[in-house]
Amino acid sequence: MEAVKKQLVLNKGGEKYIFRYECGDEAELLDCLVRQATDERTSFDWFDAAVLSFKLTQSLIGEADQLLYKDMPDPLQSYPEDSEPLL
């Protein structure tokens, strides 16, 4: 099975930063963002790293929600009045 490839993109002025990674390599991606933020040869800074790490987190949360609610027709659906919610 081929690994799913993803990417994060940041447009900053006339520059475009593209970070490609595979599912499961998010920790390595974060390490790469740190290296880029400390590299004085680029204009990529800590704010840029924070923005992309936030985007990565949001993406992972969305994927987790899809997995958690994949068997539910509508995760926001309320329970019928005669049943009790499972807690």
C-alpha atoms as a PDB file:
ATOM      1  CA  MET A   1       0.000   0.000   0.000  1.00  0.00           C
ATOM      2  CA  GLU A   2       1.416   3.352  -1.033  1.00  0.00           C
ATOM      3  CA  ALA A   3       1.800   6.006   1.673  1.00  0.00           C
ATOM      4  CA  VAL A   4      -0.497   9.013   1.466  1.00  0.00           C
ATOM      5  CA  LYS A   5       1.475  12.130   0.596  1.00  0.00           C
ATOM      6  CA  LYS A   6       0.420  15.481   1.983  1.00  0.00           C
ATOM      7  CA  GLN A   7       1.737  18.986   1.919  1.00  0.00           C
ATOM      8  CA  LEU A   8       1.608  22.261   3.784  1.00  0.00           C
ATOM      9  CA  VAL A   9       2.080  25.450   1.785  1.00  0.00           C
ATOM     10  CA  LEU A  10       2.959  28.927   3.003  1.00  0.00           C
ATOM     11  CA  ASN A  11       2.980  31.934   0.695  1.00  0.00           C
ATOM     12  CA  LYS A  12       5.077  34.732   2.178  1.00  0.00           C
ATOM     13  CA  GLY A  13       5.561  37.767   0.018  1.00  0.00           C
ATOM     14  CA  GLY A  14       7.153  36.557  -3.197  1.00  0.00           C
ATOM     15  CA  GLU A  15       8.259  33.289  -1.618  1.00  0.00           C
ATOM     16  CA  LYS A  16       6.429  30.002  -1.416  1.00  0.00           C
ATOM     17  CA  TYR A  17       7.352  27.344   1.127  1.00  0.00           C
ATOM     18  CA  ILE A  18       6.119  23.837   0.369  1.00  0.00           C
ATOM     19  CA  PHE A  19       6.580  21.062   2.915  1.00  0.00           C
ATOM     20  CA  ARG A  20       5.686  17.576   1.670  1.00  0.00           C
ATOM     21  CA  TYR A  21       5.326  14.667   4.055  1.00  0.00           C
ATOM     22  CA  GLU A  22       3.705  11.269   4.429  1.00  0.00           C
ATOM     23  CA  CYS A  23       1.091  10.271   6.984  1.00  0.00           C
ATOM     24  CA  GLY A  24       2.890   9.298  10.166  1.00  0.00           C
ATOM     25  CA  ASP A  25       5.808  11.667   9.522  1.00  0.00           C
ATOM     26  CA  GLU A  26       4.247  14.667  11.267  1.00  0.00           C
ATOM     27  CA  ALA A  27       6.933  14.724  13.992  1.00  0.00           C
ATOM     28  CA  GLU A  28       9.652  14.932  11.341  1.00  0.00           C
ATOM     29  CA  LEU A  29       7.720  17.730   9.656  1.00  0.00           C
ATOM     30  CA  LEU A  30       7.656  19.690  12.910  1.00  0.00           C
ATOM     31  CA  ASP A  31      11.417  19.173  13.273  1.00  0.00           C
ATOM     32  CA  CYS A  32      11.837  20.500   9.737  1.00  0.00           C
ATOM     33  CA  LEU A  33       9.777  23.601  10.549  1.00  0.00           C
ATOM     34  CA  VAL A  34      12.052  24.268  13.532  1.00  0.00           C
ATOM     35  CA  ARG A  35      15.168  23.895  11.364  1.00  0.00           C
ATOM     36  CA  GLN A  36      13.734  26.295   8.793  1.00  0.00           C
ATOM     37  CA  ALA A  37      12.834  28.852  11.465  1.00  0.00           C
ATOM     38  CA  THR A  38      16.411  28.822  12.787  1.00  0.00           C
ATOM     39  CA  ASP A  39      18.003  29.025   9.332  1.00  0.00           C
ATOM     40  CA  GLU A  40      19.107  32.623   8.836  1.00  0.00           C
ATOM     41  CA  ARG A  41      19.416  32.131   5.060  1.00  0.00           C
ATOM     42  CA  THR A  42      15.627  32.227   4.632  1.00  0.00           C
ATOM     43  CA  SER A  43      12.880  34.611   5.693  1.00  0.00           C
ATOM     44  CA  PHE A  44      10.937  31.691   7.214  1.00  0.00           C
ATOM     45  CA  ASP A  45      10.581  32.585  10.899  1.00  0.00           C
ATOM     46  CA  TRP A  46       9.020  31.287  14.119  1.00  0.00           C
ATOM     47  CA  PHE A  47       5.664  32.853  13.315  1.00  0.00           C
ATOM     48  CA  ASP A  48       5.609  30.986  10.001  1.00  0.00           C
ATOM     49  CA  ALA A  49       6.487  27.746  11.803  1.00  0.00           C
ATOM     50  CA  ALA A  50       3.666  28.375  14.287  1.00  0.00           C
ATOM     51  CA  VAL A  51       1.156  29.026  11.494  1.00  0.00           C
ATOM     52  CA  LEU A  52       2.066  25.817   9.682  1.00  0.00           C
ATOM     53  CA  SER A  53       2.112  23.742  12.864  1.00  0.00           C
ATOM     54  CA  PHE A  54      -1.372  25.093  13.643  1.00  0.00           C
ATOM     55  CA  LYS A  55      -2.534  24.116  10.147  1.00  0.00           C
ATOM     56  CA  LEU A  56      -1.050  20.656  10.670  1.00  0.00           C
ATOM     57  CA  THR A  57      -2.846  20.304  14.002  1.00  0.00           C
ATOM     58  CA  GLN A  58      -6.164  21.351  12.477  1.00  0.00           C
ATOM     59  CA  SER A  59      -5.698  18.811   9.703  1.00  0.00           C
ATOM     60  CA  LEU A  60      -4.961  16.030  12.208  1.00  0.00           C
ATOM     61  CA  ILE A  61      -8.015  16.978  14.284  1.00  0.00           C
ATOM     62  CA  GLY A  62     -10.165  16.795  11.153  1.00  0.00           C
ATOM     63  CA  GLU A  63      -8.790  13.357  10.309  1.00  0.00           C
ATOM     64  CA  ALA A  64      -9.398  12.152  13.867  1.00  0.00           C
ATOM     65  CA  ASP A  65     -12.989  13.409  13.733  1.00  0.00           C
ATOM     66  CA  GLN A  66     -13.551  11.526  10.487  1.00  0.00           C
ATOM     67  CA  LEU A  67     -12.293   8.312  12.078  1.00  0.00           C
ATOM     68  CA  LEU A  68     -14.311   8.797  15.266  1.00  0.00           C
ATOM     69  CA  TYR A  69     -17.565   9.586  13.519  1.00  0.00           C
ATOM     70  CA  LYS A  70     -17.265   7.463  10.364  1.00  0.00           C
ATOM     71  CA  ASP A  71     -19.988   5.047  11.492  1.00  0.00           C
ATOM     72  CA  MET A  72     -22.390   7.746  12.646  1.00  0.00           C
ATOM     73  CA  PRO A  73     -24.781   9.178  10.061  1.00  0.00           C
ATOM     74  CA  ASP A  74     -24.661  12.597  11.751  1.00  0.00           C
ATOM     75  CA  PRO A  75     -22.345  13.186  14.744  1.00  0.00           C
ATOM     76  CA  LEU A  76     -24.493  16.114  15.858  1.00  0.00           C
ATOM     77  CA  GLN A  77     -27.688  14.082  15.745  1.00  0.00           C
ATOM     78  CA  SER A  78     -29.572  14.185  19.032  1.00  0.00           C
ATOM     79  CA  TYR A  79     -30.778  11.083  20.828  1.00  0.00           C
ATOM     80  CA  PRO A  80     -34.435  10.108  20.668  1.00  0.00           C
ATOM     81  CA  GLU A  81     -36.364  11.307  23.729  1.00  0.00           C
ATOM     82  CA  ASP A  82     -36.998   7.750  24.954  1.00  0.00           C
ATOM     83  CA  SER A  83     -33.311   6.752  24.999  1.00  0.00           C
ATOM     84  CA  GLU A  84     -30.442   7.774  27.194  1.00  0.00           C
ATOM     85  CA  PRO A  85     -27.117   8.920  25.747  1.00  0.00           C
ATOM     86  CA  LEU A  86     -24.149   6.595  26.201  1.00  0.00           C
ATOM     87  CA  LEU A  87     -21.561   8.161  28.450  1.00  0.00           C
END
